[in-house]
Amino acid sequence: MTTTLDKPTPEAPAEEGRSARSLVDAVFRAREIAIGGALALLILGTWLANPGFLDDQGVKDLLLNSSILVLLAVGQSVVVMTRNIDLSVGSVVGLTAFACGHFVSGTDHSALTVVLLGIGLGTVCGLVSGALVSFGRVPALVVTLGMLYIIQGIDHAWAHGEQINAVNVPDGVLSLGSGSVLGIPYLPLISAAVLAATGYFLRTYRSGRELYAIGSSPEAARLAGIPVRRRILAAYAFSGAIAGFAGALWLARFGTVVADAANGWELTVVSAVVVGGVAITGGTGSVWGAALGALLLTTIGSALVVLKVDSFWQQAITGVLLLAAITTDRVLQVRTTSALRKRSRR
């Protein structure tokens, strides 16, 4: 009598992989829902304390104030997903805003010209950082911190105390920052379009999903044939391009630009990304969560102003949220790993 043993079907590993992926997705979807709930409660509480917070001008200001931070959070999240970081985004915004303002001052250049110039300058900055991190294998923290100081030095040496005044900026450029469609300002619509396009790319395209694989385990991604260095370089180039784009929009939004525009924003951007659920250790999170984090931090700042609370508390609250987010990420990581191990044993 011959006894045969059932062999596991080829579909089993794939099913286990899909199950693991769905569990991780569910965990971080719940995280994003929680952030959205906290944002809604914050807006509701501030409105109850001061009904003027949600009048037409209040809503418009909230959207405009968050637009550039949302853009930067989208670019930063793509880098953080690869287990890296970009601390130079604030200085890139300042440099491109001043460069674009200097270029168009006293001319009739179009808004498109300004946007393309900003994206081009930002991409160059991102490529420099990305090349040093990916091909030079220099730690991202060291490279981007060095780039921050280099760009700030270039900006201040170039400006010599000069500032770009709104009266010298073409009306076509300023209209990009003040115009609207059906009452909705252009800037939040632009941010929403970039957010949706980036989210779709990361979710749908193979090269987008590979960024998550690199963040989860760079060595495993390399063994799987993923071009790790090129993907990291592309992530930094994208972050730089977004920062350059944000610099052009900064000029359009404010008109008047000084050399230290967006100074200190790099930590705010990183805080928004981490608070939004993108793990600082890479491999998990989404640009949607990062955008929610940016909205939450912006709304906290606006709410404190409306409630006449000292702006110092905004930094304190941001710090508490950042520590809470990192702690939550660690707890979720441990529990998710434990749950996946139990499933694999079954």
Protein backbone atom coordinates (compact mmCIF):
# COMPACT_ATOMS: atom_id res chain seq x y z
CA MET A 1 0.00 0.00 0.00
CA THR A 2 1.42 3.32 -1.02
CA THR A 3 0.80 6.42 1.06
CA THR A 4 0.96 9.83 -0.57
CA LEU A 5 1.44 13.10 1.25
CA ASP A 6 -0.39 16.23 0.21
CA LYS A 7 2.04 18.86 -0.96
CA PRO A 8 1.33 22.51 -0.35
CA THR A 9 -0.16 24.17 -3.39
CA PRO A 10 1.89 26.86 -5.18
CA GLU A 11 -0.84 29.33 -4.36
CA ALA A 12 -0.26 29.03 -0.62
CA PRO A 13 2.75 31.36 -0.38
CA ALA A 14 1.02 33.93 -2.53
CA GLU A 15 -2.09 33.75 -0.37
CA GLU A 16 -0.01 34.16 2.77
CA GLY A 17 1.72 37.19 1.22
CA ARG A 18 -1.60 38.76 0.30
CA SER A 19 -2.95 38.05 3.79
CA ALA A 20 0.10 39.66 5.41
CA ARG A 21 -0.16 42.67 3.13
CA SER A 22 -3.87 43.09 3.87
CA LEU A 23 -3.19 42.98 7.61
CA VAL A 24 -0.53 45.70 7.38
CA ASP A 25 -2.79 47.81 5.13
CA ALA A 26 -5.66 47.47 7.61
CA VAL A 27 -3.46 48.57 10.52
CA PHE A 28 -2.28 51.72 8.76
CA ARG A 29 -5.71 52.48 7.32
CA ALA A 30 -6.99 52.51 10.89
CA ARG A 31 -4.14 54.87 11.80
CA GLU A 32 -5.14 57.30 9.05
CA ILE A 33 -8.80 57.13 10.09
CA ALA A 34 -7.76 57.98 13.65
CA ILE A 35 -5.79 61.02 12.42
CA GLY A 36 -8.77 62.12 10.36
CA GLY A 37 -11.00 61.76 13.42
CA ALA A 38 -8.62 63.82 15.55
CA LEU A 39 -8.55 66.50 12.85
CA ALA A 40 -12.36 66.59 12.72
CA LEU A 41 -12.61 66.89 16.52
CA LEU A 42 -10.03 69.69 16.56
CA ILE A 43 -11.92 71.64 13.90
CA LEU A 44 -15.25 71.06 15.67
CA GLY A 45 -13.91 72.11 19.08
CA THR A 46 -12.32 75.28 17.69
CA TRP A 47 -15.50 76.15 15.79
CA LEU A 48 -17.58 75.74 18.96
CA ALA A 49 -15.19 78.05 20.80
CA ASN A 50 -15.11 80.56 17.93
CA PRO A 51 -17.71 80.14 15.14
CA GLY A 52 -15.70 82.49 12.92
CA PHE A 53 -13.09 79.77 12.53
CA LEU A 54 -15.13 78.11 9.78
CA ASP A 55 -16.45 81.15 7.95
CA ASP A 56 -15.60 81.52 4.26
CA GLN A 57 -12.34 83.38 4.88
CA GLY A 58 -11.36 81.05 7.71
CA VAL A 59 -11.74 77.94 5.56
CA LYS A 60 -9.90 79.59 2.68
CA ASP A 61 -7.00 80.59 4.95
CA LEU A 62 -6.81 77.08 6.39
CA LEU A 63 -6.62 75.56 2.89
CA LEU A 64 -4.02 78.06 1.70
CA ASN A 65 -1.87 77.70 4.82
CA SER A 66 -1.78 73.91 4.54
CA SER A 67 -1.26 73.63 0.77
CA ILE A 68 2.53 74.06 0.64
CA LEU A 69 3.08 71.88 3.73
CA VAL A 70 0.95 69.12 2.18
CA LEU A 71 3.04 69.29 -0.99
CA LEU A 72 6.30 69.02 0.95
CA ALA A 73 4.91 66.16 3.04
CA VAL A 74 4.10 64.21 -0.13
CA GLY A 75 7.67 64.57 -1.40
CA GLN A 76 9.19 63.80 1.99
CA SER A 77 7.04 60.70 2.51
CA VAL A 78 8.39 59.12 -0.70
CA VAL A 79 11.94 59.50 0.66
CA VAL A 80 11.05 58.28 4.17
CA MET A 81 9.39 55.18 2.71
CA THR A 82 12.82 54.13 1.41
CA ARG A 83 14.27 54.33 4.96
CA ASN A 84 15.91 57.71 4.30
CA ILE A 85 15.20 61.34 5.13
CA ASP A 86 15.54 64.74 3.45
CA LEU A 87 16.28 67.62 5.83
CA SER A 88 17.02 70.09 3.04
CA VAL A 89 13.47 70.67 1.77
CA GLY A 90 12.94 73.92 3.69
CA SER A 91 16.16 75.45 2.38
CA VAL A 92 15.31 74.30 -1.16
CA VAL A 93 11.95 76.08 -0.88
CA GLY A 94 13.72 79.26 0.25
CA LEU A 95 16.33 79.08 -2.52
CA THR A 96 13.87 78.39 -5.33
CA ALA A 97 11.40 81.02 -4.08
CA PHE A 98 14.13 83.67 -4.05
CA ALA A 99 15.64 82.49 -7.37
CA CYS A 100 12.25 82.50 -9.09
CA GLY A 101 11.44 85.92 -7.64
CA HIS A 102 14.79 87.32 -8.78
CA PHE A 103 14.27 85.85 -12.25
CA VAL A 104 10.79 87.31 -12.83
CA SER A 105 11.22 90.58 -10.92
CA GLY A 106 10.30 93.46 -13.20
CA THR A 107 9.44 91.17 -16.14
CA ASP A 108 6.25 89.73 -17.62
CA HIS A 109 7.20 86.03 -17.37
CA SER A 110 4.30 83.62 -16.99
CA ALA A 111 3.45 81.47 -13.98
CA LEU A 112 4.37 78.38 -16.00
CA THR A 113 7.91 79.69 -16.47
CA VAL A 114 8.25 80.23 -12.73
CA VAL A 115 6.93 76.75 -11.93
CA LEU A 116 9.27 75.06 -14.41
CA LEU A 117 12.25 77.02 -13.08
CA GLY A 118 11.40 76.08 -9.51
CA ILE A 119 10.97 72.40 -10.34
CA GLY A 120 14.24 72.39 -12.29
CA LEU A 121 16.27 73.95 -9.46
CA GLY A 122 14.68 71.68 -6.88
CA THR A 123 15.35 68.58 -8.97
CA VAL A 124 19.06 69.48 -9.22
CA CYS A 125 19.27 69.82 -5.43
CA GLY A 126 17.46 66.50 -4.99
CA LEU A 127 19.74 64.73 -7.44
CA VAL A 128 22.84 65.93 -5.60
CA SER A 129 21.53 64.62 -2.27
CA GLY A 130 20.26 61.41 -3.84
CA ALA A 131 23.54 60.68 -5.61
CA LEU A 132 25.52 61.08 -2.39
CA VAL A 133 23.09 58.87 -0.44
CA SER A 134 22.51 56.14 -3.03
CA PHE A 135 25.81 55.91 -4.90
CA GLY A 136 28.15 57.56 -2.38
CA ARG A 137 26.55 55.60 0.47
CA VAL A 138 26.82 58.56 2.80
CA PRO A 139 24.16 58.55 5.58
CA ALA A 140 21.07 60.50 4.53
CA LEU A 141 21.03 62.51 7.75
CA VAL A 142 24.57 63.77 7.15
CA VAL A 143 24.05 64.52 3.44
CA THR A 144 20.77 66.39 3.73
CA LEU A 145 21.83 68.32 6.83
CA GLY A 146 24.95 69.40 4.94
CA MET A 147 22.83 70.36 1.93
CA LEU A 148 20.58 72.40 4.21
CA TYR A 149 23.49 74.56 5.39
CA ILE A 150 25.07 74.79 1.93
CA ILE A 151 21.85 75.96 0.31
CA GLN A 152 21.15 78.42 3.11
CA GLY A 153 24.67 79.82 2.71
CA ILE A 154 24.22 80.19 -1.05
CA ASP A 155 20.86 81.86 -0.55
CA HIS A 156 22.13 84.39 1.99
CA ALA A 157 25.30 85.13 -0.02
CA TRP A 158 23.17 85.73 -3.11
CA ALA A 159 20.54 87.86 -1.39
CA HIS A 160 22.89 90.18 0.57
CA GLY A 161 19.90 91.33 2.61
CA GLU A 162 17.83 91.95 -0.52
CA GLN A 163 14.19 90.90 -0.69
CA ILE A 164 11.79 90.30 -3.55
CA ASN A 165 8.81 92.66 -3.38
CA ALA A 166 5.35 91.73 -4.58
CA VAL A 167 5.06 94.91 -6.67
CA ASN A 168 7.89 93.62 -8.90
CA VAL A 169 6.36 90.16 -9.41
CA PRO A 170 4.19 89.74 -12.54
CA ASP A 171 0.45 89.68 -11.95
CA GLY A 172 0.22 86.34 -13.75
CA VAL A 173 2.46 84.76 -11.12
CA LEU A 174 0.64 86.35 -8.18
CA SER A 175 -2.72 85.22 -9.57
CA LEU A 176 -1.55 81.61 -9.17
CA GLY A 177 -1.39 82.18 -5.42
CA SER A 178 -4.53 84.28 -5.06
CA GLY A 179 -6.85 82.97 -7.80
CA SER A 180 -9.60 80.39 -7.34
CA VAL A 181 -12.02 78.10 -9.15
CA LEU A 182 -15.61 78.07 -7.87
CA GLY A 183 -14.38 79.71 -4.69
CA ILE A 184 -11.64 77.13 -4.10
CA PRO A 185 -8.09 78.59 -4.26
CA TYR A 186 -5.70 77.21 -6.85
CA LEU A 187 -3.06 76.12 -4.32
CA PRO A 188 -5.11 73.46 -2.48
CA LEU A 189 -6.36 72.15 -5.82
CA ILE A 190 -2.76 71.83 -7.04
CA SER A 191 -1.74 70.07 -3.82
CA ALA A 192 -4.69 67.69 -4.07
CA ALA A 193 -3.79 66.84 -7.68
CA VAL A 194 -0.14 66.11 -6.80
CA LEU A 195 -1.27 64.07 -3.79
CA ALA A 196 -3.71 61.98 -5.83
CA ALA A 197 -1.22 61.37 -8.65
CA THR A 198 1.55 60.33 -6.23
CA GLY A 199 -0.76 58.07 -4.24
CA TYR A 200 -1.97 56.39 -7.43
CA PHE A 201 1.60 55.86 -8.65
CA LEU A 202 2.80 54.34 -5.39
CA ARG A 203 -0.19 52.02 -5.21
CA THR A 204 -0.42 50.99 -8.86
CA TYR A 205 2.99 51.00 -10.51
CA ARG A 206 5.69 48.46 -9.83
CA SER A 207 8.40 51.08 -9.34
CA GLY A 208 6.20 52.74 -6.73
CA ARG A 209 5.67 49.52 -4.80
CA GLU A 210 9.40 48.85 -4.98
CA LEU A 211 9.99 51.91 -2.79
CA TYR A 212 8.10 50.14 0.00
CA ALA A 213 10.17 47.00 -0.54
CA ILE A 214 13.39 49.01 -0.25
CA GLY A 215 12.21 50.57 2.99
CA SER A 216 11.20 47.20 4.45
CA SER A 217 14.56 45.58 3.69
CA PRO A 218 17.10 47.16 1.33
CA GLU A 219 19.17 43.97 1.20
CA ALA A 220 16.17 41.76 0.37
CA ALA A 221 15.08 44.26 -2.28
CA ARG A 222 18.55 44.15 -3.83
CA LEU A 223 18.50 40.33 -3.89
CA ALA A 224 15.07 40.47 -5.55
CA GLY A 225 16.56 42.44 -8.43
CA ILE A 226 15.21 45.85 -7.52
CA PRO A 227 17.57 48.68 -8.60
CA VAL A 228 17.83 50.08 -5.08
CA ARG A 229 20.28 52.90 -5.81
CA ARG A 230 18.31 54.20 -8.80
CA ARG A 231 15.04 54.10 -6.87
CA ILE A 232 16.53 56.05 -3.95
CA LEU A 233 18.02 58.58 -6.37
CA ALA A 234 14.61 58.96 -8.01
CA ALA A 235 12.93 59.42 -4.61
CA TYR A 236 15.30 62.28 -3.75
CA ALA A 237 14.88 63.84 -7.18
CA PHE A 238 11.11 63.73 -6.70
CA SER A 239 11.36 65.28 -3.23
CA GLY A 240 13.61 68.02 -4.61
CA ALA A 241 11.25 68.69 -7.52
CA ILE A 242 8.30 68.97 -5.14
CA ALA A 243 10.28 71.34 -2.88
CA GLY A 244 11.19 73.45 -5.91
CA PHE A 245 7.56 73.48 -7.00
CA ALA A 246 6.60 74.55 -3.48
CA GLY A 247 9.16 77.36 -3.69
CA ALA A 248 7.53 78.69 -6.86
CA LEU A 249 4.13 78.50 -5.18
CA TRP A 250 5.56 80.26 -2.12
CA LEU A 251 6.48 83.20 -4.36
CA ALA A 252 3.01 83.17 -5.92
CA ARG A 253 1.33 82.97 -2.52
CA PHE A 254 3.24 85.67 -0.64
CA GLY A 255 4.84 87.80 -3.36
CA THR A 256 7.43 89.18 -0.93
CA VAL A 257 10.32 86.74 -0.41
CA VAL A 258 13.43 87.00 1.78
CA ALA A 259 16.51 84.78 1.88
CA ASP A 260 15.37 82.71 4.87
CA ALA A 261 11.91 81.84 3.51
CA ALA A 262 10.63 78.50 4.90
CA ASN A 263 13.50 78.43 7.41
CA GLY A 264 12.93 75.61 9.90
CA TRP A 265 10.21 73.95 7.86
CA GLU A 266 12.21 70.74 7.38
CA LEU A 267 11.41 69.51 10.89
CA THR A 268 7.75 70.48 10.51
CA VAL A 269 7.59 68.47 7.28
CA VAL A 270 9.20 65.42 8.89
CA SER A 271 6.79 65.74 11.83
CA ALA A 272 3.80 65.87 9.48
CA VAL A 273 4.97 62.75 7.65
CA VAL A 274 5.62 60.73 10.82
CA VAL A 275 2.46 61.91 12.57
CA GLY A 276 0.60 60.92 9.39
CA GLY A 277 1.67 57.30 9.78
CA VAL A 278 4.71 56.99 7.51
CA ALA A 279 7.15 54.95 9.61
CA ILE A 280 10.50 56.70 10.11
CA THR A 281 12.10 53.26 9.64
CA GLY A 282 10.60 53.01 6.13
CA GLY A 283 8.45 50.49 4.33
CA THR A 284 4.99 51.52 5.55
CA GLY A 285 2.56 54.42 5.38
CA SER A 286 1.02 56.44 2.58
CA VAL A 287 1.06 59.94 1.16
CA TRP A 288 -2.58 60.28 2.18
CA GLY A 289 -1.62 59.87 5.82
CA ALA A 290 1.25 62.33 5.39
CA ALA A 291 -1.20 64.88 3.95
CA LEU A 292 -3.53 64.35 6.92
CA GLY A 293 -0.58 64.90 9.24
CA ALA A 294 0.22 68.18 7.48
CA LEU A 295 -3.42 69.27 7.75
CA LEU A 296 -3.48 68.37 11.43
CA LEU A 297 -0.35 70.39 12.27
CA THR A 298 -1.56 73.38 10.23
CA THR A 299 -4.98 73.27 11.89
CA ILE A 300 -3.38 73.12 15.34
CA GLY A 301 -1.44 76.29 14.52
CA SER A 302 -4.52 78.08 13.20
CA ALA A 303 -6.65 76.93 16.15
CA LEU A 304 -4.11 78.24 18.67
CA VAL A 305 -4.15 81.64 16.95
CA VAL A 306 -7.95 81.75 16.96
CA LEU A 307 -8.06 80.70 20.63
CA LYS A 308 -5.35 83.29 21.46
CA VAL A 309 -2.94 80.71 22.83
CA ASP A 310 0.82 81.38 22.85
CA SER A 311 2.41 80.07 19.63
CA PHE A 312 5.07 78.35 21.78
CA TRP A 313 2.52 75.64 22.51
CA GLN A 314 2.35 74.74 18.83
CA GLN A 315 5.95 73.53 18.94
CA ALA A 316 5.30 71.68 22.20
CA ILE A 317 2.20 69.96 20.80
CA THR A 318 4.06 69.06 17.61
CA GLY A 319 6.81 67.47 19.70
CA VAL A 320 4.31 65.46 21.74
CA LEU A 321 2.54 64.27 18.58
CA LEU A 322 5.87 63.28 17.02
CA LEU A 323 6.91 61.20 20.04
CA ALA A 324 3.45 59.64 20.22
CA ALA A 325 3.58 58.75 16.51
CA ILE A 326 7.01 57.12 16.78
CA THR A 327 5.90 55.15 19.85
CA THR A 328 2.72 54.06 18.08
CA ASP A 329 4.72 52.97 15.03
CA ARG A 330 6.94 50.81 17.22
CA VAL A 331 4.01 49.22 19.05
CA LEU A 332 2.18 48.53 15.78
CA GLN A 333 5.32 47.07 14.24
CA VAL A 334 5.82 44.66 17.14
CA ARG A 335 2.16 43.59 17.23
CA THR A 336 1.89 43.22 13.45
CA THR A 337 5.07 41.11 13.35
CA SER A 338 3.70 38.92 16.13
CA ALA A 339 0.38 38.48 14.33
CA LEU A 340 2.10 37.57 11.05
CA ARG A 341 4.25 34.98 12.82
CA LYS A 342 1.19 33.36 14.36
CA ARG A 343 -0.48 33.20 10.95
CA SER A 344 2.59 31.65 9.34
CA ARG A 345 2.70 28.93 12.01
CA ARG A 346 -0.85 27.96 11.22
